[in-house]
Amino acid sequence: TVTFDPEPALTLLRQAIPEALVAVEDLGVGF
């Protein structure tokens, strides 16, 4: 698996598009 810290990017995006839906992958299960 190749992972990254989503907090910096999602913090910026949440400020820019607060109404957007966000999903983080949950391996082998869904999101």
PDB file of all heavy atoms in Angstrom:
ATOM      1  N   THR A   1       0.850  -1.192   0.000  1.00  0.00           N
ATOM      2  CA  THR A   1       0.000   0.000   0.000  1.00  0.00           C
ATOM      3  C   THR A   1       0.883   1.238   0.000  1.00  0.00           C
ATOM      4  O   THR A   1       1.959   1.248   0.606  1.00  0.00           O
ATOM      5  CB  THR A   1      -0.930   0.057   1.230  1.00  0.00           C
ATOM      6  OG1 THR A   1      -0.144   0.044   2.427  1.00  0.00           O
ATOM      7  CG2 THR A   1      -1.908  -1.109   1.239  1.00  0.00           C
ATOM      8  N   VAL A   2       0.421   2.256  -0.691  1.00  0.00           N
ATOM      9  CA  VAL A   2       1.090   3.560  -0.703  1.00  0.00           C
ATOM     10  C   VAL A   2       0.117   4.553  -0.087  1.00  0.00           C
ATOM     11  O   VAL A   2      -0.992   4.753  -0.614  1.00  0.00           O
ATOM     12  CB  VAL A   2       1.470   3.992  -2.129  1.00  0.00           C
ATOM     13  CG1 VAL A   2       2.146   5.367  -2.103  1.00  0.00           C
ATOM     14  CG2 VAL A   2       2.372   2.956  -2.780  1.00  0.00           C
ATOM     15  N   THR A   3       0.501   5.172   1.011  1.00  0.00           N
ATOM     16  CA  THR A   3      -0.411   6.051   1.726  1.00  0.00           C
ATOM     17  C   THR A   3       0.153   7.474   1.818  1.00  0.00           C
ATOM     18  O   THR A   3       1.332   7.713   1.556  1.00  0.00           O
ATOM     19  CB  THR A   3      -0.678   5.532   3.153  1.00  0.00           C
ATOM     20  OG1 THR A   3       0.554   5.510   3.882  1.00  0.00           O
ATOM     21  CG2 THR A   3      -1.273   4.131   3.112  1.00  0.00           C
ATOM     22  N   PHE A   4      -0.712   8.392   2.199  1.00  0.00           N
ATOM     23  CA  PHE A   4      -0.311   9.777   2.421  1.00  0.00           C
ATOM     24  C   PHE A   4      -1.175  10.360   3.529  1.00  0.00           C
ATOM     25  O   PHE A   4      -2.226   9.798   3.880  1.00  0.00           O
ATOM     26  CB  PHE A   4      -0.448  10.602   1.132  1.00  0.00           C
ATOM     27  CG  PHE A   4      -1.874  10.812   0.692  1.00  0.00           C
ATOM     28  CD1 PHE A   4      -2.540  12.004   0.961  1.00  0.00           C
ATOM     29  CD2 PHE A   4      -2.567   9.817   0.002  1.00  0.00           C
ATOM     30  CE1 PHE A   4      -3.849  12.200   0.562  1.00  0.00           C
ATOM     31  CE2 PHE A   4      -3.873  10.004  -0.399  1.00  0.00           C
ATOM     32  CZ  PHE A   4      -4.523  11.206  -0.115  1.00  0.00           C
ATOM     33  N   ASP A   5      -0.748  11.465   4.065  1.00  0.00           N
ATOM     34  CA  ASP A   5      -1.499  12.158   5.108  1.00  0.00           C
ATOM     35  C   ASP A   5      -2.559  13.032   4.435  1.00  0.00           C
ATOM     36  O   ASP A   5      -2.221  14.004   3.766  1.00  0.00           O
ATOM     37  CB  ASP A   5      -0.557  13.020   5.942  1.00  0.00           C
ATOM     38  CG  ASP A   5      -1.296  13.794   7.039  1.00  0.00           C
ATOM     39  OD1 ASP A   5      -2.509  13.586   7.217  1.00  0.00           O
ATOM     40  OD2 ASP A   5      -0.641  14.622   7.712  1.00  0.00           O
ATOM     41  N   PRO A   6      -3.845  12.716   4.591  1.00  0.00           N
ATOM     42  CA  PRO A   6      -4.883  13.468   3.882  1.00  0.00           C
ATOM     43  C   PRO A   6      -5.239  14.809   4.529  1.00  0.00           C
ATOM     44  O   PRO A   6      -5.919  15.631   3.913  1.00  0.00           O
ATOM     45  CB  PRO A   6      -6.085  12.525   3.923  1.00  0.00           C
ATOM     46  CG  PRO A   6      -5.915  11.788   5.214  1.00  0.00           C
ATOM     47  CD  PRO A   6      -4.424  11.609   5.380  1.00  0.00           C
ATOM     48  N   GLU A   7      -4.780  15.039   5.762  1.00  0.00           N
ATOM     49  CA  GLU A   7      -5.242  16.216   6.491  1.00  0.00           C
ATOM     50  C   GLU A   7      -4.920  17.548   5.807  1.00  0.00           C
ATOM     51  O   GLU A   7      -5.819  18.400   5.670  1.00  0.00           O
ATOM     52  CB  GLU A   7      -4.681  16.223   7.913  1.00  0.00           C
ATOM     53  CG  GLU A   7      -5.179  17.415   8.729  1.00  0.00           C
ATOM     54  CD  GLU A   7      -4.738  17.369  10.176  1.00  0.00           C
ATOM     55  OE1 GLU A   7      -4.001  16.432  10.555  1.00  0.00           O
ATOM     56  OE2 GLU A   7      -5.134  18.265  10.939  1.00  0.00           O
ATOM     57  N   PRO A   8      -3.680  17.784   5.343  1.00  0.00           N
ATOM     58  CA  PRO A   8      -3.403  19.090   4.723  1.00  0.00           C
ATOM     59  C   PRO A   8      -4.277  19.382   3.509  1.00  0.00           C
ATOM     60  O   PRO A   8      -4.841  20.479   3.382  1.00  0.00           O
ATOM     61  CB  PRO A   8      -1.927  18.980   4.338  1.00  0.00           C
ATOM     62  CG  PRO A   8      -1.358  17.976   5.281  1.00  0.00           C
ATOM     63  CD  PRO A   8      -2.451  16.971   5.471  1.00  0.00           C
ATOM     64  N   ALA A   9      -4.398  18.406   2.611  1.00  0.00           N
ATOM     65  CA  ALA A   9      -5.186  18.616   1.400  1.00  0.00           C
ATOM     66  C   ALA A   9      -6.668  18.776   1.719  1.00  0.00           C
ATOM     67  O   ALA A   9      -7.347  19.663   1.184  1.00  0.00           O
ATOM     68  CB  ALA A   9      -4.989  17.455   0.425  1.00  0.00           C
ATOM     69  N   LEU A  10      -7.195  17.935   2.618  1.00  0.00           N
ATOM     70  CA  LEU A  10      -8.619  18.006   2.926  1.00  0.00           C
ATOM     71  C   LEU A  10      -8.972  19.254   3.717  1.00  0.00           C
ATOM     72  O   LEU A  10     -10.091  19.780   3.589  1.00  0.00           O
ATOM     73  CB  LEU A  10      -9.043  16.753   3.702  1.00  0.00           C
ATOM     74  CG  LEU A  10      -9.147  15.479   2.865  1.00  0.00           C
ATOM     75  CD1 LEU A  10      -9.590  14.305   3.726  1.00  0.00           C
ATOM     76  CD2 LEU A  10     -10.116  15.667   1.695  1.00  0.00           C
ATOM     77  N   THR A  11      -8.041  19.759   4.512  1.00  0.00           N
ATOM     78  CA  THR A  11      -8.302  21.003   5.229  1.00  0.00           C
ATOM     79  C   THR A  11      -8.476  22.154   4.245  1.00  0.00           C
ATOM     80  O   THR A  11      -9.405  22.972   4.369  1.00  0.00           O
ATOM     81  CB  THR A  11      -7.145  21.321   6.202  1.00  0.00           C
ATOM     82  OG1 THR A  11      -7.065  20.263   7.170  1.00  0.00           O
ATOM     83  CG2 THR A  11      -7.384  22.634   6.921  1.00  0.00           C
ATOM     84  N   LEU A  12      -7.608  22.209   3.229  1.00  0.00           N
ATOM     85  CA  LEU A  12      -7.726  23.244   2.195  1.00  0.00           C
ATOM     86  C   LEU A  12      -9.020  23.084   1.400  1.00  0.00           C
ATOM     87  O   LEU A  12      -9.733  24.062   1.132  1.00  0.00           O
ATOM     88  CB  LEU A  12      -6.520  23.181   1.258  1.00  0.00           C
ATOM     89  CG  LEU A  12      -5.174  23.634   1.813  1.00  0.00           C
ATOM     90  CD1 LEU A  12      -4.067  23.343   0.811  1.00  0.00           C
ATOM     91  CD2 LEU A  12      -5.218  25.122   2.146  1.00  0.00           C
ATOM     92  N   LEU A  13      -9.328  21.851   1.023  1.00  0.00           N
ATOM     93  CA  LEU A  13     -10.509  21.611   0.198  1.00  0.00           C
ATOM     94  C   LEU A  13     -11.804  21.867   0.970  1.00  0.00           C
ATOM     95  O   LEU A  13     -12.787  22.339   0.404  1.00  0.00           O
ATOM     96  CB  LEU A  13     -10.482  20.178  -0.338  1.00  0.00           C
ATOM     97  CG  LEU A  13      -9.426  19.907  -1.410  1.00  0.00           C
ATOM     98  CD1 LEU A  13      -9.281  18.411  -1.654  1.00  0.00           C
ATOM     99  CD2 LEU A  13      -9.788  20.635  -2.701  1.00  0.00           C
ATOM    100  N   ARG A  14     -11.796  21.557   2.250  1.00  0.00           N
ATOM    101  CA  ARG A  14     -12.989  21.797   3.053  1.00  0.00           C
ATOM    102  C   ARG A  14     -13.272  23.290   3.180  1.00  0.00           C
ATOM    103  O   ARG A  14     -14.436  23.721   3.206  1.00  0.00           O
ATOM    104  CB  ARG A  14     -12.828  21.177   4.432  1.00  0.00           C
ATOM    105  CG  ARG A  14     -14.142  21.083   5.208  1.00  0.00           C
ATOM    106  CD  ARG A  14     -13.910  20.541   6.602  1.00  0.00           C
ATOM    107  NE  ARG A  14     -15.167  20.166   7.233  1.00  0.00           N
ATOM    108  CZ  ARG A  14     -15.295  19.860   8.508  1.00  0.00           C
ATOM    109  NH1 ARG A  14     -14.230  19.907   9.305  1.00  0.00           N
ATOM    110  NH2 ARG A  14     -16.460  19.514   9.012  1.00  0.00           N
ATOM    111  N   GLN A  15     -12.213  24.077   3.240  1.00  0.00           N
ATOM    112  CA  GLN A  15     -12.388  25.527   3.279  1.00  0.00           C
ATOM    113  C   GLN A  15     -12.902  26.059   1.941  1.00  0.00           C
ATOM    114  O   GLN A  15     -13.726  26.975   1.900  1.00  0.00           O
ATOM    115  CB  GLN A  15     -11.053  26.198   3.626  1.00  0.00           C
ATOM    116  CG  GLN A  15     -10.567  25.895   5.033  1.00  0.00           C
ATOM    117  CD  GLN A  15      -9.150  26.382   5.278  1.00  0.00           C
ATOM    118  OE1 GLN A  15      -8.457  26.829   4.356  1.00  0.00           O
ATOM    119  NE2 GLN A  15      -8.698  26.296   6.527  1.00  0.00           N
ATOM    120  N   ALA A  16     -12.414  25.466   0.843  1.00  0.00           N
ATOM    121  CA  ALA A  16     -12.802  25.934  -0.489  1.00  0.00           C
ATOM    122  C   ALA A  16     -14.170  25.427  -0.909  1.00  0.00           C
ATOM    123  O   ALA A  16     -14.940  26.136  -1.572  1.00  0.00           O
ATOM    124  CB  ALA A  16     -11.754  25.502  -1.519  1.00  0.00           C
ATOM    125  N   ILE A  17     -14.499  24.162  -0.534  1.00  0.00           N
ATOM    126  CA  ILE A  17     -15.763  23.536  -0.957  1.00  0.00           C
ATOM    127  C   ILE A  17     -16.384  22.867   0.268  1.00  0.00           C
ATOM    128  O   ILE A  17     -16.383  21.636   0.397  1.00  0.00           O
ATOM    129  CB  ILE A  17     -15.533  22.500  -2.074  1.00  0.00           C
ATOM    130  CG1 ILE A  17     -14.523  23.003  -3.104  1.00  0.00           C
ATOM    131  CG2 ILE A  17     -16.857  22.150  -2.769  1.00  0.00           C
ATOM    132  CD1 ILE A  17     -14.121  21.984  -4.130  1.00  0.00           C
ATOM    133  N   PRO A  18     -16.922  23.625   1.190  1.00  0.00           N
ATOM    134  CA  PRO A  18     -17.417  23.052   2.453  1.00  0.00           C
ATOM    135  C   PRO A  18     -18.574  22.071   2.277  1.00  0.00           C
ATOM    136  O   PRO A  18     -18.789  21.213   3.131  1.00  0.00           O
ATOM    137  CB  PRO A  18     -17.837  24.279   3.262  1.00  0.00           C
ATOM    138  CG  PRO A  18     -18.068  25.348   2.244  1.00  0.00           C
ATOM    139  CD  PRO A  18     -17.080  25.088   1.147  1.00  0.00           C
ATOM    140  N   GLU A  19     -19.324  22.196   1.193  1.00  0.00           N
ATOM    141  CA  GLU A  19     -20.485  21.328   0.987  1.00  0.00           C
ATOM    142  C   GLU A  19     -20.134  20.000   0.324  1.00  0.00           C
ATOM    143  O   GLU A  19     -21.003  19.128   0.147  1.00  0.00           O
ATOM    144  CB  GLU A  19     -21.529  22.043   0.132  1.00  0.00           C
ATOM    145  CG  GLU A  19     -21.138  22.277  -1.333  1.00  0.00           C
ATOM    146  CD  GLU A  19     -20.251  23.509  -1.534  1.00  0.00           C
ATOM    147  OE1 GLU A  19     -19.779  24.079  -0.524  1.00  0.00           O
ATOM    148  OE2 GLU A  19     -20.056  23.890  -2.700  1.00  0.00           O
ATOM    149  N   ALA A  20     -18.882  19.790  -0.058  1.00  0.00           N
ATOM    150  CA  ALA A  20     -18.488  18.587  -0.781  1.00  0.00           C
ATOM    151  C   ALA A  20     -18.549  17.343   0.103  1.00  0.00           C
ATOM    152  O   ALA A  20     -18.321  17.403   1.316  1.00  0.00           O
ATOM    153  CB  ALA A  20     -17.081  18.755  -1.339  1.00  0.00           C
ATOM    154  N   LEU A  21     -18.839  16.214  -0.519  1.00  0.00           N
ATOM    155  CA  LEU A  21     -18.798  14.915   0.153  1.00  0.00           C
ATOM    156  C   LEU A  21     -17.366  14.393   0.092  1.00  0.00           C
ATOM    157  O   LEU A  21     -16.683  14.556  -0.921  1.00  0.00           O
ATOM    158  CB  LEU A  21     -19.732  13.919  -0.542  1.00  0.00           C
ATOM    159  CG  LEU A  21     -21.166  14.377  -0.811  1.00  0.00           C
ATOM    160  CD1 LEU A  21     -21.923  13.290  -1.574  1.00  0.00           C
ATOM    161  CD2 LEU A  21     -21.867  14.716   0.485  1.00  0.00           C
ATOM    162  N   VAL A  22     -16.909  13.765   1.155  1.00  0.00           N
ATOM    163  CA  VAL A  22     -15.537  13.255   1.218  1.00  0.00           C
ATOM    164  C   VAL A  22     -15.566  11.782   1.585  1.00  0.00           C
ATOM    165  O   VAL A  22     -16.312  11.359   2.480  1.00  0.00           O
ATOM    166  CB  VAL A  22     -14.696  14.040   2.246  1.00  0.00           C
ATOM    167  CG1 VAL A  22     -13.278  13.468   2.323  1.00  0.00           C
ATOM    168  CG2 VAL A  22     -14.647  15.519   1.887  1.00  0.00           C
ATOM    169  N   ALA A  23     -14.741  10.994   0.886  1.00  0.00           N
ATOM    170  CA  ALA A  23     -14.636   9.559   1.166  1.00  0.00           C
ATOM    171  C   ALA A  23     -13.168   9.168   1.277  1.00  0.00           C
ATOM    172  O   ALA A  23     -12.345   9.589   0.460  1.00  0.00           O
ATOM    173  CB  ALA A  23     -15.309   8.744   0.071  1.00  0.00           C
ATOM    174  N   VAL A  24     -12.840   8.377   2.292  1.00  0.00           N
ATOM    175  CA  VAL A  24     -11.503   7.814   2.460  1.00  0.00           C
ATOM    176  C   VAL A  24     -11.626   6.303   2.360  1.00  0.00           C
ATOM    177  O   VAL A  24     -12.476   5.686   3.021  1.00  0.00           O
ATOM    178  CB  VAL A  24     -10.897   8.215   3.823  1.00  0.00           C
ATOM    179  CG1 VAL A  24      -9.542   7.556   4.016  1.00  0.00           C
ATOM    180  CG2 VAL A  24     -10.763   9.730   3.927  1.00  0.00           C
ATOM    181  N   GLU A  25     -10.788   5.706   1.541  1.00  0.00           N
ATOM    182  CA  GLU A  25     -10.887   4.265   1.311  1.00  0.00           C
ATOM    183  C   GLU A  25     -10.600   3.463   2.572  1.00  0.00           C
ATOM    184  O   GLU A  25      -9.638   3.729   3.292  1.00  0.00           O
ATOM    185  CB  GLU A  25      -9.922   3.853   0.204  1.00  0.00           C
ATOM    186  CG  GLU A  25     -10.031   2.392  -0.189  1.00  0.00           C
ATOM    187  CD  GLU A  25      -9.182   2.046  -1.394  1.00  0.00           C
ATOM    188  OE1 GLU A  25      -8.362   2.883  -1.807  1.00  0.00           O
ATOM    189  OE2 GLU A  25      -9.348   0.929  -1.907  1.00  0.00           O
ATOM    190  N   ASP A  26     -11.452   2.481   2.837  1.00  0.00           N
ATOM    191  CA  ASP A  26     -11.280   1.530   3.924  1.00  0.00           C
ATOM    192  C   ASP A  26     -10.990   0.184   3.260  1.00  0.00           C
ATOM    193  O   ASP A  26     -11.902  -0.474   2.741  1.00  0.00           O
ATOM    194  CB  ASP A  26     -12.547   1.466   4.779  1.00  0.00           C
ATOM    195  CG  ASP A  26     -12.369   0.644   6.040  1.00  0.00           C
ATOM    196  OD1 ASP A  26     -11.232   0.208   6.311  1.00  0.00           O
ATOM    197  OD2 ASP A  26     -13.364   0.443   6.758  1.00  0.00           O
ATOM    198  N   LEU A  27      -9.731  -0.221   3.239  1.00  0.00           N
ATOM    199  CA  LEU A  27      -9.291  -1.353   2.427  1.00  0.00           C
ATOM    200  C   LEU A  27     -10.110  -2.618   2.663  1.00  0.00           C
ATOM    201  O   LEU A  27     -10.283  -3.060   3.798  1.00  0.00           O
ATOM    202  CB  LEU A  27      -7.816  -1.659   2.689  1.00  0.00           C
ATOM    203  CG  LEU A  27      -6.798  -0.651   2.153  1.00  0.00           C
ATOM    204  CD1 LEU A  27      -5.383  -1.170   2.408  1.00  0.00           C
ATOM    205  CD2 LEU A  27      -7.002  -0.379   0.677  1.00  0.00           C
ATOM    206  N   GLY A  28     -10.592  -3.168   1.564  1.00  0.00           N
ATOM    207  CA  GLY A  28     -11.320  -4.420   1.617  1.00  0.00           C
ATOM    208  C   GLY A  28     -12.735  -4.313   2.143  1.00  0.00           C
ATOM    209  O   GLY A  28     -13.456  -5.311   2.206  1.00  0.00           O
ATOM    210  N   VAL A  29     -13.160  -3.114   2.506  1.00  0.00           N
ATOM    211  CA  VAL A  29     -14.494  -2.920   3.071  1.00  0.00           C
ATOM    212  C   VAL A  29     -15.324  -1.953   2.220  1.00  0.00           C
ATOM    213  O   VAL A  29     -16.443  -2.237   1.839  1.00  0.00           O
ATOM    214  CB  VAL A  29     -14.414  -2.379   4.522  1.00  0.00           C
ATOM    215  CG1 VAL A  29     -15.811  -2.139   5.077  1.00  0.00           C
ATOM    216  CG2 VAL A  29     -13.643  -3.354   5.399  1.00  0.00           C
ATOM    217  N   GLY A  30     -14.758  -0.808   1.949  1.00  0.00           N
ATOM    218  CA  GLY A  30     -15.478   0.227   1.216  1.00  0.00           C
ATOM    219  C   GLY A  30     -14.872   1.582   1.505  1.00  0.00           C
ATOM    220  O   GLY A  30     -13.679   1.794   1.290  1.00  0.00           O
ATOM    221  N   PHE A  31     -15.710   2.496   2.063  1.00  0.00           N
ATOM    222  CA  PHE A  31     -15.237   3.855   2.305  1.00  0.00           C
ATOM    223  C   PHE A  31     -15.823   4.415   3.597  1.00  0.00           C
ATOM    224  O   PHE A  31     -16.986   4.154   3.931  1.00  0.00           O
ATOM    225  CB  PHE A  31     -15.634   4.780   1.152  1.00  0.00           C
ATOM    226  CG  PHE A  31     -14.922   4.489  -0.135  1.00  0.00           C
ATOM    227  CD1 PHE A  31     -15.403   3.524  -1.008  1.00  0.00           C
ATOM    228  CD2 PHE A  31     -13.765   5.175  -0.471  1.00  0.00           C
ATOM    229  CE1 PHE A  31     -14.743   3.245  -2.196  1.00  0.00           C
ATOM    230  CE2 PHE A  31     -13.100   4.906  -1.654  1.00  0.00           C
ATOM    231  CZ  PHE A  31     -13.594   3.939  -2.522  1.00  0.00           C
TER     232      PHE A  31
END
